[in-house]
């Protein structure tokens, strides 16, 4: 359960009572209770047990409203929200994997640079093609 007064994450600070949250989301307070009962929403609670809603909860409520207006029932809304959360988690994991892969490639490239030999040291110069051909023929 989120901390109702987490100053480190203002969007998660649960400050709205149920009537204010309902008004901000454009729904009846009873609707919020139904959403909570159906597992669509989990507001923070005070020590006395009162519900407190954060800005993130209000955004979540608006998303629920949007989905229900499109014709989804609450079970469908719950599934869509679960899938959206899963997609967000997978995208975060993928972003982290890309960073780690990029770091590994960069580390590998740095190790290659230590092994490089300047071109002038690595090549034997031949003055002309005829000399090269004679040397190959003599072998």
C-alpha atoms as a PDB file:
ATOM      1  CA  UNK A   1       0.000   0.000   0.000  1.00  0.00           C
ATOM      2  CA  UNK A   2       1.488   3.419  -0.914  1.00  0.00           C
ATOM      3  CA  UNK A   3       2.458   5.789   1.846  1.00  0.00           C
ATOM      4  CA  UNK A   4      -0.220   8.523   1.987  1.00  0.00           C
ATOM      5  CA  UNK A   5       2.410  11.220   2.507  1.00  0.00           C
ATOM      6  CA  UNK A   6       5.498  10.273   0.516  1.00  0.00           C
ATOM      7  CA  UNK A   7       7.194  13.649  -0.106  1.00  0.00           C
ATOM      8  CA  UNK A   8       9.784  12.077  -2.408  1.00  0.00           C
ATOM      9  CA  UNK A   9       7.168  11.221  -5.046  1.00  0.00           C
ATOM     10  CA  UNK A  10       4.611  14.039  -5.272  1.00  0.00           C
ATOM     11  CA  UNK A  11       2.476  12.276  -7.925  1.00  0.00           C
ATOM     12  CA  UNK A  12       2.050   9.379  -5.461  1.00  0.00           C
ATOM     13  CA  UNK A  13       1.251  11.549  -2.452  1.00  0.00           C
ATOM     14  CA  UNK A  14      -2.249  10.531  -1.470  1.00  0.00           C
ATOM     15  CA  UNK A  15      -3.981  13.746  -0.471  1.00  0.00           C
ATOM     16  CA  UNK A  16      -7.490  13.648  -1.924  1.00  0.00           C
ATOM     17  CA  UNK A  17     -10.451  12.341   0.053  1.00  0.00           C
ATOM     18  CA  UNK A  18     -12.944  10.190  -1.834  1.00  0.00           C
ATOM     19  CA  UNK A  19     -15.381  13.010  -2.634  1.00  0.00           C
ATOM     20  CA  UNK A  20     -12.662  15.215  -4.118  1.00  0.00           C
ATOM     21  CA  UNK A  21     -11.131  12.312  -6.061  1.00  0.00           C
ATOM     22  CA  UNK A  22     -14.540  11.391  -7.438  1.00  0.00           C
ATOM     23  CA  UNK A  23     -15.161  14.963  -8.535  1.00  0.00           C
ATOM     24  CA  UNK A  24     -11.714  15.248 -10.171  1.00  0.00           C
ATOM     25  CA  UNK A  25     -12.281  11.973 -12.032  1.00  0.00           C
ATOM     26  CA  UNK A  26     -15.871  12.825 -12.939  1.00  0.00           C
ATOM     27  CA  UNK A  27     -17.473   9.843 -11.206  1.00  0.00           C
ATOM     28  CA  UNK A  28     -19.635   9.207  -8.151  1.00  0.00           C
ATOM     29  CA  UNK A  29     -17.842   8.300  -4.889  1.00  0.00           C
ATOM     30  CA  UNK A  30     -19.683   4.966  -4.880  1.00  0.00           C
ATOM     31  CA  UNK A  31     -18.070   4.196  -8.239  1.00  0.00           C
ATOM     32  CA  UNK A  32     -14.663   4.558  -6.605  1.00  0.00           C
ATOM     33  CA  UNK A  33     -15.679   2.058  -3.939  1.00  0.00           C
ATOM     34  CA  UNK A  34     -16.831  -0.360  -6.651  1.00  0.00           C
ATOM     35  CA  UNK A  35     -13.543   0.046  -8.540  1.00  0.00           C
ATOM     36  CA  UNK A  36     -11.661  -0.703  -5.342  1.00  0.00           C
ATOM     37  CA  UNK A  37     -13.815  -3.758  -4.609  1.00  0.00           C
ATOM     38  CA  UNK A  38     -13.205  -5.051  -8.176  1.00  0.00           C
ATOM     39  CA  UNK A  39      -9.446  -4.595  -7.787  1.00  0.00           C
ATOM     40  CA  UNK A  40      -9.120  -1.776 -10.317  1.00  0.00           C
ATOM     41  CA  UNK A  41      -7.840   0.739  -7.812  1.00  0.00           C
ATOM     42  CA  UNK A  42      -6.048   0.590  -4.490  1.00  0.00           C
ATOM     43  CA  UNK A  43      -6.081   3.938  -2.707  1.00  0.00           C
ATOM     44  CA  UNK A  44      -3.836   4.628   0.251  1.00  0.00           C
ATOM     45  CA  UNK A  45      -5.403   4.572   3.685  1.00  0.00           C
ATOM     46  CA  UNK A  46      -4.872   6.817   6.660  1.00  0.00           C
ATOM     47  CA  UNK A  47      -4.244   5.326  10.088  1.00  0.00           C
ATOM     48  CA  UNK A  48      -7.965   5.742  10.707  1.00  0.00           C
ATOM     49  CA  UNK A  49      -8.813   3.759   7.559  1.00  0.00           C
ATOM     50  CA  UNK A  50     -10.021   6.637   5.353  1.00  0.00           C
ATOM     51  CA  UNK A  51      -9.217   6.410   1.663  1.00  0.00           C
ATOM     52  CA  UNK A  52      -6.745   8.888   0.203  1.00  0.00           C
ATOM     53  CA  UNK A  53      -6.149   9.283  -3.513  1.00  0.00           C
ATOM     54  CA  UNK A  54      -3.039  10.567  -5.277  1.00  0.00           C
ATOM     55  CA  UNK A  55      -2.617  12.330  -8.611  1.00  0.00           C
ATOM     56  CA  UNK A  56      -1.537   8.964 -10.041  1.00  0.00           C
ATOM     57  CA  UNK A  57      -4.803   7.456  -8.753  1.00  0.00           C
ATOM     58  CA  UNK A  58      -6.781  10.253 -10.431  1.00  0.00           C
ATOM     59  CA  UNK A  59      -4.956   9.593 -13.705  1.00  0.00           C
ATOM     60  CA  UNK A  60      -5.708   5.867 -13.277  1.00  0.00           C
ATOM     61  CA  UNK A  61      -9.389   6.668 -12.674  1.00  0.00           C
ATOM     62  CA  UNK A  62      -9.521   8.711 -15.849  1.00  0.00           C
ATOM     63  CA  UNK A  63      -8.010   5.798 -17.771  1.00  0.00           C
ATOM     64  CA  UNK A  64     -10.659   3.469 -16.322  1.00  0.00           C
ATOM     65  CA  UNK A  65     -13.372   5.934 -17.362  1.00  0.00           C
ATOM     66  CA  UNK A  66     -11.922   6.151 -20.856  1.00  0.00           C
ATOM     67  CA  UNK A  67     -11.974   2.377 -21.240  1.00  0.00           C
ATOM     68  CA  UNK A  68     -15.510   2.004 -19.904  1.00  0.00           C
ATOM     69  CA  UNK A  69     -16.694   4.750 -22.263  1.00  0.00           C
ATOM     70  CA  UNK A  70     -15.240   2.700 -25.124  1.00  0.00           C
ATOM     71  CA  UNK A  71     -17.558  -0.127 -24.104  1.00  0.00           C
ATOM     72  CA  UNK A  72     -15.390  -2.376 -21.934  1.00  0.00           C
ATOM     73  CA  UNK A  73     -16.866  -3.938 -18.832  1.00  0.00           C
ATOM     74  CA  UNK A  74     -14.914  -3.788 -15.567  1.00  0.00           C
ATOM     75  CA  UNK A  75     -13.352  -7.216 -16.087  1.00  0.00           C
ATOM     76  CA  UNK A  76     -12.118  -6.074 -19.505  1.00  0.00           C
ATOM     77  CA  UNK A  77     -10.831  -2.818 -18.039  1.00  0.00           C
ATOM     78  CA  UNK A  78      -8.930  -4.755 -15.379  1.00  0.00           C
ATOM     79  CA  UNK A  79      -7.326  -6.989 -18.013  1.00  0.00           C
ATOM     80  CA  UNK A  80      -6.374  -4.030 -20.226  1.00  0.00           C
ATOM     81  CA  UNK A  81      -4.802  -2.246 -17.248  1.00  0.00           C
ATOM     82  CA  UNK A  82      -2.864  -5.390 -16.314  1.00  0.00           C
ATOM     83  CA  UNK A  83      -1.605  -5.731 -19.887  1.00  0.00           C
ATOM     84  CA  UNK A  84      -0.654  -2.060 -20.067  1.00  0.00           C
ATOM     85  CA  UNK A  85       1.298  -2.417 -16.819  1.00  0.00           C
ATOM     86  CA  UNK A  86       3.019  -5.527 -18.191  1.00  0.00           C
ATOM     87  CA  UNK A  87       3.936  -3.745 -21.428  1.00  0.00           C
ATOM     88  CA  UNK A  88       5.344  -0.815 -19.453  1.00  0.00           C
ATOM     89  CA  UNK A  89       7.432  -3.220 -17.348  1.00  0.00           C
ATOM     90  CA  UNK A  90       8.701  -5.049 -20.431  1.00  0.00           C
ATOM     91  CA  UNK A  91       9.611  -1.749 -22.095  1.00  0.00           C
ATOM     92  CA  UNK A  92      11.535  -0.715 -18.972  1.00  0.00           C
ATOM     93  CA  UNK A  93      13.302  -4.099 -18.911  1.00  0.00           C
ATOM     94  CA  UNK A  94      14.136  -3.786 -22.599  1.00  0.00           C
ATOM     95  CA  UNK A  95      15.514  -0.286 -22.074  1.00  0.00           C
ATOM     96  CA  UNK A  96      17.700  -1.580 -19.246  1.00  0.00           C
ATOM     97  CA  UNK A  97      18.883  -4.521 -21.384  1.00  0.00           C
ATOM     98  CA  UNK A  98      19.780  -2.114 -24.197  1.00  0.00           C
ATOM     99  CA  UNK A  99      21.830   0.018 -21.817  1.00  0.00           C
ATOM    100  CA  UNK A 100      23.632  -3.060 -20.481  1.00  0.00           C
ATOM    101  CA  UNK A 101      24.284  -4.369 -24.009  1.00  0.00           C
ATOM    102  CA  UNK A 102      25.576  -0.987 -25.113  1.00  0.00           C
ATOM    103  CA  UNK A 103      27.887  -0.850 -22.089  1.00  0.00           C
ATOM    104  CA  UNK A 104      29.167  -4.370 -22.853  1.00  0.00           C
ATOM    105  CA  UNK A 105      29.839  -3.453 -26.495  1.00  0.00           C
ATOM    106  CA  UNK A 106      31.626  -0.264 -25.440  1.00  0.00           C
ATOM    107  CA  UNK A 107      33.767  -2.196 -22.942  1.00  0.00           C
ATOM    108  CA  UNK A 108      34.652  -4.729 -25.635  1.00  0.00           C
ATOM    109  CA  UNK A 109      35.569  -1.952 -28.051  1.00  0.00           C
ATOM    110  CA  UNK A 110      37.754  -0.303 -25.430  1.00  0.00           C
ATOM    111  CA  UNK A 111      39.630  -3.586 -24.964  1.00  0.00           C
ATOM    112  CA  UNK A 112      40.194  -3.828 -28.727  1.00  0.00           C
ATOM    113  CA  UNK A 113      41.765  -0.393 -28.839  1.00  0.00           C
ATOM    114  CA  UNK A 114      44.528  -1.483 -26.473  1.00  0.00           C
ATOM    115  CA  UNK A 115      45.500  -4.279 -28.879  1.00  0.00           C
ATOM    116  CA  UNK A 116      45.692  -2.119 -31.993  1.00  0.00           C
ATOM    117  CA  UNK A 117      49.044  -1.603 -33.655  1.00  0.00           C
ATOM    118  CA  UNK A 118      49.682   1.515 -35.740  1.00  0.00           C
ATOM    119  CA  UNK A 119      49.474   0.769 -39.467  1.00  0.00           C
ATOM    120  CA  UNK A 120      53.075   1.841 -40.160  1.00  0.00           C
ATOM    121  CA  UNK A 121      54.375  -0.724 -37.681  1.00  0.00           C
ATOM    122  CA  UNK A 122      52.150  -3.529 -38.921  1.00  0.00           C
ATOM    123  CA  UNK A 123      52.841  -3.300 -42.674  1.00  0.00           C
ATOM    124  CA  UNK A 124      55.958  -4.095 -44.668  1.00  0.00           C
ATOM    125  CA  UNK A 125      56.320  -1.690 -47.554  1.00  0.00           C
ATOM    126  CA  UNK A 126      57.180  -2.905 -51.009  1.00  0.00           C
ATOM    127  CA  UNK A 127      58.467  -0.364 -53.453  1.00  0.00           C
ATOM    128  CA  UNK A 128      56.890  -1.835 -56.523  1.00  0.00           C
ATOM    129  CA  UNK A 129      54.804  -4.756 -57.678  1.00  0.00           C
ATOM    130  CA  UNK A 130      57.653  -6.293 -59.713  1.00  0.00           C
ATOM    131  CA  UNK A 131      59.753  -6.778 -56.588  1.00  0.00           C
ATOM    132  CA  UNK A 132      56.834  -8.480 -54.840  1.00  0.00           C
ATOM    133  CA  UNK A 133      56.269 -10.816 -57.788  1.00  0.00           C
ATOM    134  CA  UNK A 134      59.966 -11.757 -57.972  1.00  0.00           C
ATOM    135  CA  UNK A 135      60.025 -12.575 -54.271  1.00  0.00           C
ATOM    136  CA  UNK A 136      56.940 -14.753 -54.610  1.00  0.00           C
ATOM    137  CA  UNK A 137      58.377 -16.546 -57.650  1.00  0.00           C
ATOM    138  CA  UNK A 138      61.650 -17.262 -55.821  1.00  0.00           C
ATOM    139  CA  UNK A 139      59.851 -19.000 -52.985  1.00  0.00           C
END
